[in-house]
Every structure is written in structure tokens, then in C-alpha cells.
C-alpha atoms as a PDB file:
ATOM      1  CA  MET A   1      -0.044   0.007   0.095  1.00  0.00           C
ATOM      2  CA  GLU A   2       2.783   2.478   0.886  1.00  0.00           C
ATOM      3  CA  TYR A   3       4.408   1.766  -2.727  1.00  0.00           C
ATOM      4  CA  ARG A   4       1.167   2.679  -4.353  1.00  0.00           C
ATOM      5  CA  ARG A   5       0.490   6.038  -2.393  1.00  0.00           C
ATOM      6  CA  LYS A   6       4.258   7.036  -3.326  1.00  0.00           C
ATOM      7  CA  LEU A   7       3.121   6.276  -6.887  1.00  0.00           C
ATOM      8  CA  ARG A   8      -0.028   8.237  -7.000  1.00  0.00           C
ATOM      9  CA  PRO A   9       1.575  12.015  -7.005  1.00  0.00           C
ATOM     10  CA  LYS A  10       3.578  11.206  -9.893  1.00  0.00           C
ATOM     11  CA  LEU A  11       0.857   9.852 -11.926  1.00  0.00           C
ATOM     12  CA  ARG A  12      -1.237  13.080 -11.249  1.00  0.00           C
ATOM     13  CA  GLY A  13       1.654  15.216 -12.821  1.00  0.00           C
ATOM     14  CA  SER A  14       3.006  15.111 -16.420  1.00  0.00           C
ATOM     15  CA  THR A  15       2.658  11.492 -16.974  1.00  0.00           C
ATOM     16  CA  LEU A  16      -1.344  11.530 -16.485  1.00  0.00           C
ATOM     17  CA  GLU A  17      -1.431  14.691 -18.850  1.00  0.00           C
ATOM     18  CA  ASP A  18       0.443  12.690 -21.346  1.00  0.00           C
ATOM     19  CA  CYS A  19      -1.983   9.803 -21.056  1.00  0.00           C
ATOM     20  CA  GLU A  20      -4.873  11.882 -21.522  1.00  0.00           C
ATOM     21  CA  ALA A  21      -3.351  13.780 -24.598  1.00  0.00           C
ATOM     22  CA  ALA A  22      -2.591  10.291 -25.952  1.00  0.00           C
ATOM     23  CA  SER A  23      -6.081   9.303 -25.504  1.00  0.00           C
ATOM     24  CA  ARG A  24      -7.591  12.149 -27.130  1.00  0.00           C
ATOM     25  CA  PHE A  25      -5.219  11.947 -29.973  1.00  0.00           C
ATOM     26  CA  SER A  26      -5.902   8.217 -30.382  1.00  0.00           C
ATOM     27  CA  SER A  27      -9.637   8.809 -30.624  1.00  0.00           C
ATOM     28  CA  VAL A  28      -9.213  11.407 -33.506  1.00  0.00           C
ATOM     29  CA  VAL A  29      -6.883   8.945 -35.217  1.00  0.00           C
ATOM     30  CA  ILE A  30      -9.077   6.025 -35.139  1.00  0.00           C
ATOM     31  CA  ASP A  31     -12.391   8.053 -36.284  1.00  0.00           C
ATOM     32  CA  PHE A  32     -10.320   9.350 -39.052  1.00  0.00           C
ATOM     33  CA  THR A  33      -9.040   5.861 -40.136  1.00  0.00           C
ATOM     34  CA  VAL A  34     -12.441   4.476 -39.962  1.00  0.00           C
ATOM     35  CA  ARG A  35     -13.910   7.189 -42.132  1.00  0.00           C
ATOM     36  CA  LEU A  36     -10.831   7.026 -44.980  1.00  0.00           C
ATOM     37  CA  CYS A  37     -10.643   3.262 -44.729  1.00  0.00           C
ATOM     38  CA  GLY A  38     -14.216   2.569 -45.539  1.00  0.00           C
ATOM     39  CA  LEU A  39     -13.340  -0.169 -47.882  1.00  0.00           C
ATOM     40  CA  SER A  40     -15.382  -1.591 -50.681  1.00  0.00           C
ATOM     41  CA  CYS A  41     -14.822  -4.245 -53.288  1.00  0.00           C
ATOM     42  CA  ARG A  42     -16.227  -4.203 -56.927  1.00  0.00           C
ATOM     43  CA  PRO A  43     -19.775  -5.501 -56.912  1.00  0.00           C
ATOM     44  CA  ASP A  44     -18.782  -8.121 -59.750  1.00  0.00           C
ATOM     45  CA  LEU A  45     -15.673  -9.600 -57.969  1.00  0.00           C
ATOM     46  CA  SER A  46     -15.554 -12.209 -55.096  1.00  0.00           C
ATOM     47  CA  MET A  47     -12.966 -11.808 -52.452  1.00  0.00           C
ATOM     48  CA  THR A  48     -11.328 -14.937 -53.548  1.00  0.00           C
ATOM     49  CA  ARG A  49     -10.085 -13.355 -56.785  1.00  0.00           C
ATOM     50  CA  ALA A  50      -8.622 -10.620 -54.798  1.00  0.00           C
ATOM     51  CA  LEU A  51      -6.874 -12.837 -52.185  1.00  0.00           C
ATOM     52  CA  GLY A  52      -3.956 -13.132 -54.608  1.00  0.00           C
ATOM     53  CA  PRO A  53      -3.456  -9.504 -55.346  1.00  0.00           C
ATOM     54  CA  ILE A  54      -4.007  -8.578 -51.531  1.00  0.00           C
ATOM     55  CA  LEU A  55      -1.011 -11.062 -50.648  1.00  0.00           C
ATOM     56  CA  LYS A  56       1.303  -9.804 -53.423  1.00  0.00           C
ATOM     57  CA  THR A  57       0.446  -6.381 -52.226  1.00  0.00           C
ATOM     58  CA  ILE A  58       1.194  -7.082 -48.567  1.00  0.00           C
ATOM     59  CA  LEU A  59       4.547  -8.538 -49.893  1.00  0.00           C
ATOM     60  CA  PHE A  60       5.218  -5.551 -51.813  1.00  0.00           C
ATOM     61  CA  THR A  61       4.417  -2.979 -49.076  1.00  0.00           C
ATOM     62  CA  ILE A  62       6.970  -4.921 -46.766  1.00  0.00           C
ATOM     63  CA  LEU A  63       9.640  -4.724 -49.519  1.00  0.00           C
ATOM     64  CA  VAL A  64       9.246  -1.343 -51.211  1.00  0.00           C
ATOM     65  CA  PRO A  65       7.509   1.110 -48.814  1.00  0.00           C
ATOM     66  CA  GLY A  66       8.984  -0.692 -45.872  1.00  0.00           C
ATOM     67  CA  SER A  67      12.347  -0.165 -47.014  1.00  0.00           C
ATOM     68  CA  VAL A  68      11.749   3.490 -48.364  1.00  0.00           C
ATOM     69  CA  LEU A  69       9.835   4.630 -45.174  1.00  0.00           C
ATOM     70  CA  VAL A  70      11.649   2.356 -42.376  1.00  0.00           C
ATOM     71  CA  LEU A  71      15.001   0.651 -43.254  1.00  0.00           C
ATOM     72  CA  ILE A  72      16.487   3.707 -45.386  1.00  0.00           C
ATOM     73  CA  PRO A  73      15.469   6.327 -42.749  1.00  0.00           C
ATOM     74  CA  SER A  74      16.579   4.209 -39.969  1.00  0.00           C
ATOM     75  CA  LEU A  75      20.066   3.882 -41.747  1.00  0.00           C
ATOM     76  CA  ILE A  76      20.342   7.519 -42.263  1.00  0.00           C
ATOM     77  CA  LEU A  77      19.632   8.496 -38.981  1.00  0.00           C
ATOM     78  CA  GLY A  78      21.616   5.516 -37.304  1.00  0.00           C
ATOM     79  CA  GLY A  79      18.440   4.159 -35.796  1.00  0.00           C
ATOM     80  CA  PHE A  80      15.444   6.111 -34.896  1.00  0.00           C
ATOM     81  CA  PRO A  81      16.115   8.313 -31.880  1.00  0.00           C
ATOM     82  CA  ARG A  82      13.557   8.774 -29.056  1.00  0.00           C
ATOM     83  CA  PRO A  83      11.103  11.550 -30.065  1.00  0.00           C
ATOM     84  CA  GLU A  84      11.138  14.806 -27.987  1.00  0.00           C
ATOM     85  CA  ARG A  85       8.145  15.791 -26.242  1.00  0.00           C
ATOM     86  CA  GLY A  86       6.028  18.885 -27.984  1.00  0.00           C
ATOM     87  CA  PRO A  87       3.659  19.916 -30.576  1.00  0.00           C
ATOM     88  CA  LEU A  88       5.976  19.252 -33.402  1.00  0.00           C
ATOM     89  CA  THR A  89       6.397  15.682 -32.434  1.00  0.00           C
ATOM     90  CA  TRP A  90       2.368  15.068 -32.226  1.00  0.00           C
ATOM     91  CA  LEU A  91       1.992  16.973 -35.471  1.00  0.00           C
ATOM     92  CA  GLY A  92       4.703  14.581 -37.036  1.00  0.00           C
ATOM     93  CA  VAL A  93       2.984  11.406 -35.716  1.00  0.00           C
ATOM     94  CA  LEU A  94      -0.479  12.686 -36.904  1.00  0.00           C
ATOM     95  CA  ILE A  95       1.133  13.162 -40.452  1.00  0.00           C
ATOM     96  CA  ILE A  96       2.551   9.808 -40.469  1.00  0.00           C
ATOM     97  CA  LEU A  97      -0.773   8.222 -39.607  1.00  0.00           C
ATOM     98  CA  PHE A  98      -2.513  10.300 -42.308  1.00  0.00           C
ATOM     99  CA  GLY A  99      -0.022   9.381 -44.933  1.00  0.00           C
ATOM    100  CA  ALA A 100      -0.002   5.481 -43.806  1.00  0.00           C
ATOM    101  CA  ALA A 101      -3.949   5.553 -44.093  1.00  0.00           C
ATOM    102  CA  ILE A 102      -3.814   6.874 -47.702  1.00  0.00           C
ATOM    103  CA  TYR A 103      -1.310   4.488 -48.671  1.00  0.00           C
ATOM    104  CA  PHE A 104      -3.230   1.531 -47.311  1.00  0.00           C
ATOM    105  CA  ARG A 105      -6.452   2.778 -48.878  1.00  0.00           C
ATOM    106  CA  CYS A 106      -4.935   3.026 -52.284  1.00  0.00           C
ATOM    107  CA  ALA A 107      -3.265  -0.428 -51.893  1.00  0.00           C
ATOM    108  CA  TRP A 108      -6.612  -2.033 -51.121  1.00  0.00           C
ATOM    109  CA  GLU A 109      -8.345  -0.313 -54.112  1.00  0.00           C
ATOM    110  CA  PHE A 110      -5.401  -1.793 -56.540  1.00  0.00           C
ATOM    111  CA  ALA A 111      -5.779  -5.105 -54.863  1.00  0.00           C
ATOM    112  CA  VAL A 112      -9.599  -5.612 -54.945  1.00  0.00           C
ATOM    113  CA  ARG A 113     -10.726  -3.285 -57.725  1.00  0.00           C
ATOM    114  CA  GLY A 114      -7.792  -3.382 -60.053  1.00  0.00           C
ATOM    115  CA  LEU A 115      -6.888  -6.828 -59.234  1.00  0.00           C
ATOM    116  CA  GLY A 116      -3.075  -5.965 -59.146  1.00  0.00           C
ATOM    117  CA  THR A 117      -0.614  -4.594 -57.062  1.00  0.00           C
ATOM    118  CA  PRO A 118       1.368  -1.207 -56.851  1.00  0.00           C
ATOM    119  CA  ALA A 119       4.485  -3.138 -58.398  1.00  0.00           C
ATOM    120  CA  PRO A 120       5.323  -2.694 -62.323  1.00  0.00           C
ATOM    121  CA  ILE A 121       6.011  -6.265 -62.411  1.00  0.00           C
ATOM    122  CA  ALA A 122       2.403  -7.279 -61.278  1.00  0.00           C
ATOM    123  CA  PRO A 123       0.335  -4.232 -62.356  1.00  0.00           C
ATOM    124  CA  THR A 124      -3.282  -3.802 -62.249  1.00  0.00           C
ATOM    125  CA  LYS A 125      -5.744  -5.696 -64.820  1.00  0.00           C
ATOM    126  CA  PHE A 126      -8.333  -2.749 -64.402  1.00  0.00           C
ATOM    127  CA  LEU A 127      -7.813   0.909 -64.367  1.00  0.00           C
ATOM    128  CA  VAL A 128      -8.432   2.361 -60.832  1.00  0.00           C
ATOM    129  CA  THR A 129     -10.195   5.712 -60.640  1.00  0.00           C
ATOM    130  CA  THR A 130     -12.333   4.978 -57.326  1.00  0.00           C
ATOM    131  CA  ALA A 131     -11.701   6.260 -53.871  1.00  0.00           C
ATOM    132  CA  LEU A 132      -8.899   8.746 -53.496  1.00  0.00           C
ATOM    133  CA  HIS A 133      -7.994   8.382 -57.221  1.00  0.00           C
ATOM    134  CA  ARG A 134     -11.250  10.127 -57.920  1.00  0.00           C
ATOM    135  CA  TYR A 135      -9.252  13.419 -56.774  1.00  0.00           C
ATOM    136  CA  VAL A 136      -5.833  13.119 -57.734  1.00  0.00           C
ATOM    137  CA  ARG A 137      -4.249  10.480 -59.813  1.00  0.00           C
ATOM    138  CA  ASN A 138      -1.243   9.864 -57.718  1.00  0.00           C
ATOM    139  CA  PRO A 139      -2.661   9.499 -54.112  1.00  0.00           C
ATOM    140  CA  MET A 140      -0.329   6.528 -52.945  1.00  0.00           C
ATOM    141  CA  TYR A 141       2.831   8.623 -53.455  1.00  0.00           C
ATOM    142  CA  ILE A 142       1.362  11.523 -51.523  1.00  0.00           C
ATOM    143  CA  GLY A 143       0.894   9.010 -48.848  1.00  0.00           C
ATOM    144  CA  VAL A 144       4.392   8.070 -48.726  1.00  0.00           C
ATOM    145  CA  PHE A 145       5.561  11.505 -48.777  1.00  0.00           C
ATOM    146  CA  GLY A 146       3.333  12.552 -45.850  1.00  0.00           C
ATOM    147  CA  VAL A 147       5.017   9.619 -43.930  1.00  0.00           C
ATOM    148  CA  LEU A 148       8.739  10.566 -44.837  1.00  0.00           C
ATOM    149  CA  LEU A 149       7.404  14.450 -43.924  1.00  0.00           C
ATOM    150  CA  GLY A 150       6.026  13.369 -40.632  1.00  0.00           C
ATOM    151  CA  GLU A 151       9.353  11.457 -39.710  1.00  0.00           C
ATOM    152  CA  ALA A 152      11.383  14.612 -40.279  1.00  0.00           C
ATOM    153  CA  ALA A 153       8.973  16.288 -37.925  1.00  0.00           C
ATOM    154  CA  THR A 154       8.645  13.586 -35.402  1.00  0.00           C
ATOM    155  CA  PHE A 155      12.534  13.115 -35.222  1.00  0.00           C
ATOM    156  CA  ARG A 156      13.484  16.958 -35.851  1.00  0.00           C
ATOM    157  CA  ALA A 157      15.541  15.495 -38.850  1.00  0.00           C
ATOM    158  CA  PHE A 158      16.164  17.699 -41.662  1.00  0.00           C
ATOM    159  CA  VAL A 159      18.237  15.255 -43.429  1.00  0.00           C
ATOM    160  CA  LEU A 160      14.963  13.112 -43.953  1.00  0.00           C
ATOM    161  CA  LEU A 161      13.534  16.354 -45.651  1.00  0.00           C
ATOM    162  CA  LYS A 162      16.485  16.067 -48.049  1.00  0.00           C
ATOM    163  CA  TYR A 163      15.799  12.237 -48.493  1.00  0.00           C
ATOM    164  CA  ALA A 164      12.049  13.037 -49.263  1.00  0.00           C
ATOM    165  CA  ALA A 165      12.772  15.354 -51.828  1.00  0.00           C
ATOM    166  CA  VAL A 166      15.191  13.028 -53.681  1.00  0.00           C
ATOM    167  CA  CYS A 167      12.349  10.354 -53.407  1.00  0.00           C
ATOM    168  CA  PHE A 168       9.754  12.788 -54.896  1.00  0.00           C
ATOM    169  CA  ALA A 169      12.246  13.645 -57.673  1.00  0.00           C
ATOM    170  CA  ALA A 170      12.611   9.891 -58.402  1.00  0.00           C
ATOM    171  CA  ALA A 171       8.744   9.373 -58.224  1.00  0.00           C
ATOM    172  CA  TYR A 172       8.218  12.189 -60.572  1.00  0.00           C
ATOM    173  CA  LEU A 173      10.606  11.103 -63.168  1.00  0.00           C
ATOM    174  CA  PHE A 174       9.156   7.434 -62.881  1.00  0.00           C
ATOM    175  CA  VAL A 175       5.372   8.784 -63.334  1.00  0.00           C
ATOM    176  CA  ILE A 176       6.495  11.013 -66.296  1.00  0.00           C
ATOM    177  CA  PHE A 177       8.503   8.592 -68.279  1.00  0.00           C
ATOM    178  CA  TYR A 178       7.232   5.128 -67.269  1.00  0.00           C
ATOM    179  CA  GLU A 179       4.002   5.034 -65.559  1.00  0.00           C
ATOM    180  CA  GLU A 180       1.942   7.277 -67.605  1.00  0.00           C
ATOM    181  CA  PRO A 181       3.153   5.903 -70.946  1.00  0.00           C
ATOM    182  CA  THR A 182       2.355   2.486 -69.748  1.00  0.00           C
ATOM    183  CA  LEU A 183      -1.184   3.191 -68.606  1.00  0.00           C
ATOM    184  CA  ARG A 184      -1.772   5.062 -71.834  1.00  0.00           C
ATOM    185  CA  ARG A 185      -0.877   1.851 -73.678  1.00  0.00           C
ATOM    186  CA  GLN A 186      -2.669  -0.465 -71.472  1.00  0.00           C
ATOM    187  CA  PHE A 187      -6.144   1.345 -71.161  1.00  0.00           C
ATOM    188  CA  GLY A 188      -6.179   3.644 -74.063  1.00  0.00           C
ATOM    189  CA  GLU A 189      -8.941   6.273 -74.322  1.00  0.00           C
ATOM    190  CA  SER A 190     -10.325   5.462 -70.854  1.00  0.00           C
ATOM    191  CA  TYR A 191      -6.945   6.639 -69.075  1.00  0.00           C
ATOM    192  CA  GLU A 192      -6.788   9.617 -71.340  1.00  0.00           C
ATOM    193  CA  GLN A 193     -10.351  10.550 -70.243  1.00  0.00           C
ATOM    194  CA  TYR A 194      -9.148   9.841 -66.744  1.00  0.00           C
ATOM    195  CA  ARG A 195      -5.923  12.044 -67.198  1.00  0.00           C
ATOM    196  CA  ARG A 196      -7.761  14.831 -68.455  1.00  0.00           C
ATOM    197  CA  SER A 197     -10.329  14.928 -65.657  1.00  0.00           C
ATOM    198  CA  VAL A 198      -8.126  14.289 -62.610  1.00  0.00           C
ATOM    199  CA  PRO A 199      -5.039  16.343 -61.677  1.00  0.00           C
ATOM    200  CA  ARG A 200      -1.625  14.498 -61.246  1.00  0.00           C
ATOM    201  CA  TRP A 201      -0.637  15.847 -58.038  1.00  0.00           C
ATOM    202  CA  ILE A 202      -2.907  18.473 -56.523  1.00  0.00           C
ATOM    203  CA  PRO A 203      -5.990  16.985 -55.488  1.00  0.00           C
ATOM    204  CA  LYS A 204      -9.245  18.313 -57.219  1.00  0.00           C
ATOM    205  CA  LEU A 205     -11.752  18.586 -54.181  1.00  0.00           C
ATOM    206  CA  ARG A 206     -14.814  18.682 -56.415  1.00  0.00           C
ATOM    207  CA  VAL A 207     -15.773  15.586 -58.393  1.00  0.00           C
ATOM    208  CA  ARG A 208     -18.826  16.164 -60.634  1.00  0.00           C
ATOM    209  CA  GLN A 209     -18.979  12.816 -62.230  1.00  0.00           C
ATOM    210  CA  LYS A 210     -16.685   9.521 -62.118  1.00  0.00           C
ATOM    211  CA  PRO A 211     -14.235   9.513 -64.794  1.00  0.00           C
ATOM    212  CA  SER A 212     -14.849   6.813 -67.671  1.00  0.00           C
ATOM    213  CA  GLY A 213     -13.761   3.390 -66.549  1.00  0.00           C
ATOM    214  CA  SER A 214     -14.447   3.420 -62.835  1.00  0.00           C
ATOM    215  CA  TRP A 215     -16.997   1.354 -61.088  1.00  0.00           C
END
């Protein structure tokens, strides 16, 4: 009993305030994730057909985004340091969760609607123009960059901003010189209509109608 009494004053201090702040923050994140990740599937598609693409997408996520967002930043920083307390850390964590939610939402669409993966060696069989792709053509890249920016803020690491800039430049060139020409050859006029109606990087908030080729 004496030991518990000694701990109570400490819990009433900064630790208790941190717990309350973390609880409020978690509630906001959970609500956002539930709203953003209202997952859906093509009405004419059974989940059995989507199982293979889902598993391949999980593997791709571990190997590619896992390396870009976890392994390489960890090597750059010599291991992830313990974040400092403060508003910038909370903002960084929120941006990381926001970016991750965007990525996983897009990955789900690729797997269950496009019947493929984000990997060039296993592309989608159908043009994906639903969910976040209705507002911007490359939401998955935006989600990845968001995670990198959040890591830079969380760990106060300016070097990660430089790394994010290099990643963006590489992704931009990949989109311009490989991805868009490939989609044009694969989907023809459907992709051309989609490209004309949806911007590449800056989201269009108003969507009057679904682009041709969507479900």
C-alpha cells in the first residue's frame, strides 16, 4: 500500500497529462481511419479472386514502402531516436498516420478493384479511378511523402527532408517517363479521359462525375 501511495502523486503530474493527451489523439486517429478506410470491393468481384493480389500487395508493401519509409530512414539516422515531447512531435505522428492511411486505402483499391499491385511487375488489370483516385491520380505517392515528412518532424531530422525531396524527384520521373505511358498503352482512351479530368499531384476537391472506366 505504501508503494502505491508513493506512485499516485507522480501519476497526477505530467505522466497523467500525457496519457490524457494520447487518449484524445488516439480517438481522433481512430475516427479518421474508420472514415477514410471504408473499404469496398467491386460488386462483380468475389474476395477469392482478390486474395492473390492482396497477398502480393502485402509483400510489396513490406519490401518497397517498408524499405523507403523504415529501413533507409533508420540507416540515415543511425536508428530512430526517441522523439522529444512537444507539439511538433504530435504533428509529425499525425502526418505519419494520415500518410499511412492514404497508402493502405490506395493499396486496397489496387488489389480488390484493379486485381493487381502497385508493383510494375504485377500491375492492375483494371484502371483504378475510385476512392482517392477520383481526386488525384497519384494519391499513393502523396501518402508515402506524407509519412516521410511526418518522420522528419517527429525526429527533428532535416536530413529526412532532403531524402524526401530525392524520393519525390525519383517518383516524378518514374511517373512521367514510365507509369503514364504504360497506362496509356494499357487502357487507351479510358486512361486519357481519366488523365484529362483528374490532376496528377494537387487533389481536385470537387468531383462532378466519375471518370470513364470507374466502377
